[in-house]
Amino acid sequence: MEEKQSILACGAGSISKRVSAERGIERCENVKDVALYIEKIDEMIERKRKLFMDF
């Protein structure tokens, strides 16, 4: 399957993906453990922000 579309995923264990012609495919994984995800939610948000806002 060809990956052509960026995906913003939310929740424990999810993986966001940004697809661009210049940089290819970049991924950002969330932690799988729900308690740890809640504890680190600010870090998860910032990592996704950097993935999608740093062009």
PDB file of N, CA and C in Angstrom:
ATOM      1  N   MET A   1       0.850  -1.168   0.000  1.00  0.00           N
ATOM      2  CA  MET A   1       0.000   0.000   0.000  1.00  0.00           C
ATOM      3  C   MET A   1       0.897   1.233   0.000  1.00  0.00           C
ATOM      4  N   GLU A   2       0.586   2.167  -0.844  1.00  0.00           N
ATOM      5  CA  GLU A   2       1.361   3.393  -0.963  1.00  0.00           C
ATOM      6  C   GLU A   2       0.863   4.433   0.033  1.00  0.00           C
ATOM      7  N   GLU A   3       1.796   5.099   0.697  1.00  0.00           N
ATOM      8  CA  GLU A   3       1.443   6.113   1.686  1.00  0.00           C
ATOM      9  C   GLU A   3       1.529   7.486   1.035  1.00  0.00           C
ATOM     10  N   LYS A   4       0.379   8.139   0.869  1.00  0.00           N
ATOM     11  CA  LYS A   4       0.327   9.435   0.204  1.00  0.00           C
ATOM     12  C   LYS A   4      -0.290  10.517   1.060  1.00  0.00           C
ATOM     13  N   GLN A   5      -0.936  10.153   2.151  1.00  0.00           N
ATOM     14  CA  GLN A   5      -1.727  11.097   2.941  1.00  0.00           C
ATOM     15  C   GLN A   5      -1.176  11.220   4.358  1.00  0.00           C
ATOM     16  N   SER A   6      -1.079  12.458   4.853  1.00  0.00           N
ATOM     17  CA  SER A   6      -0.692  12.679   6.244  1.00  0.00           C
ATOM     18  C   SER A   6      -1.853  12.296   7.158  1.00  0.00           C
ATOM     19  N   ILE A   7      -1.513  11.808   8.356  1.00  0.00           N
ATOM     20  CA  ILE A   7      -2.524  11.385   9.325  1.00  0.00           C
ATOM     21  C   ILE A   7      -2.156  11.944  10.694  1.00  0.00           C
ATOM     22  N   LEU A   8      -3.106  12.601  11.345  1.00  0.00           N
ATOM     23  CA  LEU A   8      -2.939  13.066  12.720  1.00  0.00           C
ATOM     24  C   LEU A   8      -3.735  12.121  13.610  1.00  0.00           C
ATOM     25  N   ALA A   9      -3.029  11.313  14.391  1.00  0.00           N
ATOM     26  CA  ALA A   9      -3.670  10.311  15.239  1.00  0.00           C
ATOM     27  C   ALA A   9      -3.576  10.723  16.704  1.00  0.00           C
ATOM     28  N   CYS A  10      -4.635  10.452  17.449  1.00  0.00           N
ATOM     29  CA  CYS A  10      -4.684  10.795  18.872  1.00  0.00           C
ATOM     30  C   CYS A  10      -4.988   9.546  19.684  1.00  0.00           C
ATOM     31  N   GLY A  11      -4.398   9.468  20.870  1.00  0.00           N
ATOM     32  CA  GLY A  11      -4.667   8.360  21.768  1.00  0.00           C
ATOM     33  C   GLY A  11      -3.442   7.502  22.001  1.00  0.00           C
ATOM     34  N   ALA A  12      -3.491   6.735  23.073  1.00  0.00           N
ATOM     35  CA  ALA A  12      -2.379   5.859  23.429  1.00  0.00           C
ATOM     36  C   ALA A  12      -2.143   4.833  22.326  1.00  0.00           C
ATOM     37  N   GLY A  13      -0.889   4.660  21.953  1.00  0.00           N
ATOM     38  CA  GLY A  13      -0.523   3.678  20.941  1.00  0.00           C
ATOM     39  C   GLY A  13      -0.713   4.122  19.505  1.00  0.00           C
ATOM     40  N   SER A  14      -1.185   5.331  19.293  1.00  0.00           N
ATOM     41  CA  SER A  14      -1.424   5.791  17.924  1.00  0.00           C
ATOM     42  C   SER A  14      -0.142   6.349  17.303  1.00  0.00           C
ATOM     43  N   ILE A  15      -0.114   6.387  15.978  1.00  0.00           N
ATOM     44  CA  ILE A  15       1.040   6.899  15.248  1.00  0.00           C
ATOM     45  C   ILE A  15       0.562   7.924  14.228  1.00  0.00           C
ATOM     46  N   SER A  16       1.064   9.152  14.353  1.00  0.00           N
ATOM     47  CA  SER A  16       0.778  10.191  13.369  1.00  0.00           C
ATOM     48  C   SER A  16       1.828  10.107  12.274  1.00  0.00           C
ATOM     49  N   LYS A  17       1.458  10.547  11.081  1.00  0.00           N
ATOM     50  CA  LYS A  17       2.350  10.439   9.941  1.00  0.00           C
ATOM     51  C   LYS A  17       2.223  11.694   9.091  1.00  0.00           C
ATOM     52  N   ARG A  18       3.350  12.256   8.702  1.00  0.00           N
ATOM     53  CA  ARG A  18       3.346  13.402   7.792  1.00  0.00           C
ATOM     54  C   ARG A  18       4.068  12.999   6.518  1.00  0.00           C
ATOM     55  N   VAL A  19       3.418  13.222   5.395  1.00  0.00           N
ATOM     56  CA  VAL A  19       3.976  12.877   4.096  1.00  0.00           C
ATOM     57  C   VAL A  19       4.257  14.169   3.349  1.00  0.00           C
ATOM     58  N   SER A  20       5.506  14.341   2.896  1.00  0.00           N
ATOM     59  CA  SER A  20       5.849  15.512   2.100  1.00  0.00           C
ATOM     60  C   SER A  20       6.843  15.111   1.019  1.00  0.00           C
ATOM     61  N   ALA A  21       6.810  15.831  -0.086  1.00  0.00           N
ATOM     62  CA  ALA A  21       7.719  15.539  -1.194  1.00  0.00           C
ATOM     63  C   ALA A  21       9.170  15.811  -0.799  1.00  0.00           C
ATOM     64  N   GLU A  22       9.378  16.844   0.011  1.00  0.00           N
ATOM     65  CA  GLU A  22      10.736  17.242   0.383  1.00  0.00           C
ATOM     66  C   GLU A  22      11.372  16.310   1.411  1.00  0.00           C
ATOM     67  N   ARG A  23      10.604  15.911   2.411  1.00  0.00           N
ATOM     68  CA  ARG A  23      11.164  15.164   3.538  1.00  0.00           C
ATOM     69  C   ARG A  23      10.693  13.716   3.605  1.00  0.00           C
ATOM     70  N   GLY A  24       9.857  13.308   2.701  1.00  0.00           N
ATOM     71  CA  GLY A  24       9.369  11.932   2.714  1.00  0.00           C
ATOM     72  C   GLY A  24       8.342  11.703   3.806  1.00  0.00           C
ATOM     73  N   ILE A  25       8.378  10.524   4.398  1.00  0.00           N
ATOM     74  CA  ILE A  25       7.420  10.156   5.443  1.00  0.00           C
ATOM     75  C   ILE A  25       8.094  10.285   6.805  1.00  0.00           C
ATOM     76  N   GLU A  26       7.448  11.028   7.700  1.00  0.00           N
ATOM     77  CA  GLU A  26       7.924  11.177   9.074  1.00  0.00           C
ATOM     78  C   GLU A  26       6.822  10.690   9.996  1.00  0.00           C
ATOM     79  N   ARG A  27       7.214  10.002  11.065  1.00  0.00           N
ATOM     80  CA  ARG A  27       6.234   9.447  11.998  1.00  0.00           C
ATOM     81  C   ARG A  27       6.480   9.954  13.411  1.00  0.00           C
ATOM     82  N   CYS A  28       5.405   9.975  14.186  1.00  0.00           N
ATOM     83  CA  CYS A  28       5.469  10.379  15.592  1.00  0.00           C
ATOM     84  C   CYS A  28       4.567   9.427  16.378  1.00  0.00           C
ATOM     85  N   GLU A  29       5.180   8.572  17.194  1.00  0.00           N
ATOM     86  CA  GLU A  29       4.433   7.565  17.945  1.00  0.00           C
ATOM     87  C   GLU A  29       4.063   8.078  19.331  1.00  0.00           C
ATOM     88  N   ASN A  30       2.883   7.717  19.781  1.00  0.00           N
ATOM     89  CA  ASN A  30       2.475   7.967  21.164  1.00  0.00           C
ATOM     90  C   ASN A  30       2.807   6.731  21.989  1.00  0.00           C
ATOM     91  N   VAL A  31       3.015   6.931  23.287  1.00  0.00           N
ATOM     92  CA  VAL A  31       3.254   5.785  24.171  1.00  0.00           C
ATOM     93  C   VAL A  31       1.997   4.911  24.216  1.00  0.00           C
ATOM     94  N   LYS A  32       2.169   3.624  24.476  1.00  0.00           N
ATOM     95  CA  LYS A  32       1.038   2.692  24.459  1.00  0.00           C
ATOM     96  C   LYS A  32       0.291   2.619  25.785  1.00  0.00           C
ATOM     97  N   ASP A  33       0.998   2.808  26.877  1.00  0.00           N
ATOM     98  CA  ASP A  33       0.391   2.715  28.204  1.00  0.00           C
ATOM     99  C   ASP A  33      -0.495   3.938  28.463  1.00  0.00           C
ATOM    100  N   VAL A  34      -1.765   3.712  28.788  1.00  0.00           N
ATOM    101  CA  VAL A  34      -2.731   4.806  28.960  1.00  0.00           C
ATOM    102  C   VAL A  34      -2.327   5.742  30.095  1.00  0.00           C
ATOM    103  N   ALA A  35      -1.919   5.198  31.235  1.00  0.00           N
ATOM    104  CA  ALA A  35      -1.521   6.044  32.370  1.00  0.00           C
ATOM    105  C   ALA A  35      -0.315   6.906  32.009  1.00  0.00           C
ATOM    106  N   LEU A  36       0.650   6.333  31.321  1.00  0.00           N
ATOM    107  CA  LEU A  36       1.833   7.081  30.895  1.00  0.00           C
ATOM    108  C   LEU A  36       1.467   8.118  29.837  1.00  0.00           C
ATOM    109  N   TYR A  37       0.542   7.769  28.951  1.00  0.00           N
ATOM    110  CA  TYR A  37       0.067   8.711  27.937  1.00  0.00           C
ATOM    111  C   TYR A  37      -0.555   9.939  28.607  1.00  0.00           C
ATOM    112  N   ILE A  38      -1.389   9.719  29.602  1.00  0.00           N
ATOM    113  CA  ILE A  38      -2.024  10.830  30.323  1.00  0.00           C
ATOM    114  C   ILE A  38      -0.963  11.671  31.031  1.00  0.00           C
ATOM    115  N   GLU A  39       0.009  11.003  31.630  1.00  0.00           N
ATOM    116  CA  GLU A  39       1.084  11.709  32.338  1.00  0.00           C
ATOM    117  C   GLU A  39       1.918  12.575  31.388  1.00  0.00           C
ATOM    118  N   LYS A  40       2.117  12.096  30.158  1.00  0.00           N
ATOM    119  CA  LYS A  40       2.989  12.782  29.202  1.00  0.00           C
ATOM    120  C   LYS A  40       2.218  13.479  28.083  1.00  0.00           C
ATOM    121  N   ILE A  41       0.954  13.795  28.293  1.00  0.00           N
ATOM    122  CA  ILE A  41       0.122  14.361  27.235  1.00  0.00           C
ATOM    123  C   ILE A  41       0.704  15.646  26.650  1.00  0.00           C
ATOM    124  N   ASP A  42       1.272  16.506  27.494  1.00  0.00           N
ATOM    125  CA  ASP A  42       1.855  17.750  26.980  1.00  0.00           C
ATOM    126  C   ASP A  42       3.023  17.470  26.040  1.00  0.00           C
ATOM    127  N   GLU A  43       3.826  16.482  26.378  1.00  0.00           N
ATOM    128  CA  GLU A  43       4.942  16.086  25.511  1.00  0.00           C
ATOM    129  C   GLU A  43       4.420  15.530  24.183  1.00  0.00           C
ATOM    130  N   MET A  44       3.379  14.707  24.240  1.00  0.00           N
ATOM    131  CA  MET A  44       2.806  14.138  23.021  1.00  0.00           C
ATOM    132  C   MET A  44       2.274  15.245  22.101  1.00  0.00           C
ATOM    133  N   ILE A  45       1.580  16.214  22.686  1.00  0.00           N
ATOM    134  CA  ILE A  45       1.030  17.326  21.902  1.00  0.00           C
ATOM    135  C   ILE A  45       2.149  18.119  21.251  1.00  0.00           C
ATOM    136  N   GLU A  46       3.198  18.407  21.996  1.00  0.00           N
ATOM    137  CA  GLU A  46       4.314  19.192  21.456  1.00  0.00           C
ATOM    138  C   GLU A  46       5.023  18.449  20.328  1.00  0.00           C
ATOM    139  N   ARG A  47       5.204  17.153  20.463  1.00  0.00           N
ATOM    140  CA  ARG A  47       5.839  16.368  19.399  1.00  0.00           C
ATOM    141  C   ARG A  47       5.004  16.396  18.122  1.00  0.00           C
ATOM    142  N   LYS A  48       3.695  16.315  18.260  1.00  0.00           N
ATOM    143  CA  LYS A  48       2.817  16.377  17.080  1.00  0.00           C
ATOM    144  C   LYS A  48       2.825  17.774  16.473  1.00  0.00           C
ATOM    145  N   ARG A  49       2.841  18.775  17.330  1.00  0.00           N
ATOM    146  CA  ARG A  49       2.897  20.160  16.844  1.00  0.00           C
ATOM    147  C   ARG A  49       4.161  20.361  16.003  1.00  0.00           C
ATOM    148  N   LYS A  50       5.290  19.876  16.492  1.00  0.00           N
ATOM    149  CA  LYS A  50       6.546  20.014  15.751  1.00  0.00           C
ATOM    150  C   LYS A  50       6.497  19.244  14.433  1.00  0.00           C
ATOM    151  N   LEU A  51       5.911  18.074  14.459  1.00  0.00           N
ATOM    152  CA  LEU A  51       5.824  17.260  13.244  1.00  0.00           C
ATOM    153  C   LEU A  51       5.040  17.974  12.154  1.00  0.00           C
ATOM    154  N   PHE A  52       3.914  18.576  12.524  1.00  0.00           N
ATOM    155  CA  PHE A  52       3.040  19.166  11.516  1.00  0.00           C
ATOM    156  C   PHE A  52       3.266  20.651  11.276  1.00  0.00           C
ATOM    157  N   MET A  53       3.948  21.348  12.178  1.00  0.00           N
ATOM    158  CA  MET A  53       4.119  22.789  12.012  1.00  0.00           C
ATOM    159  C   MET A  53       5.513  23.178  11.534  1.00  0.00           C
ATOM    160  N   ASP A  54       6.506  22.327  11.683  1.00  0.00           N
ATOM    161  CA  ASP A  54       7.865  22.631  11.224  1.00  0.00           C
ATOM    162  C   ASP A  54       8.008  22.252   9.757  1.00  0.00           C
ATOM    163  N   PHE A  55       7.911  23.224   8.898  1.00  0.00           N
ATOM    164  CA  PHE A  55       8.033  22.959   7.453  1.00  0.00           C
ATOM    165  C   PHE A  55       9.374  23.396   6.953  1.00  0.00           C
TER     166      PHE A  55
END
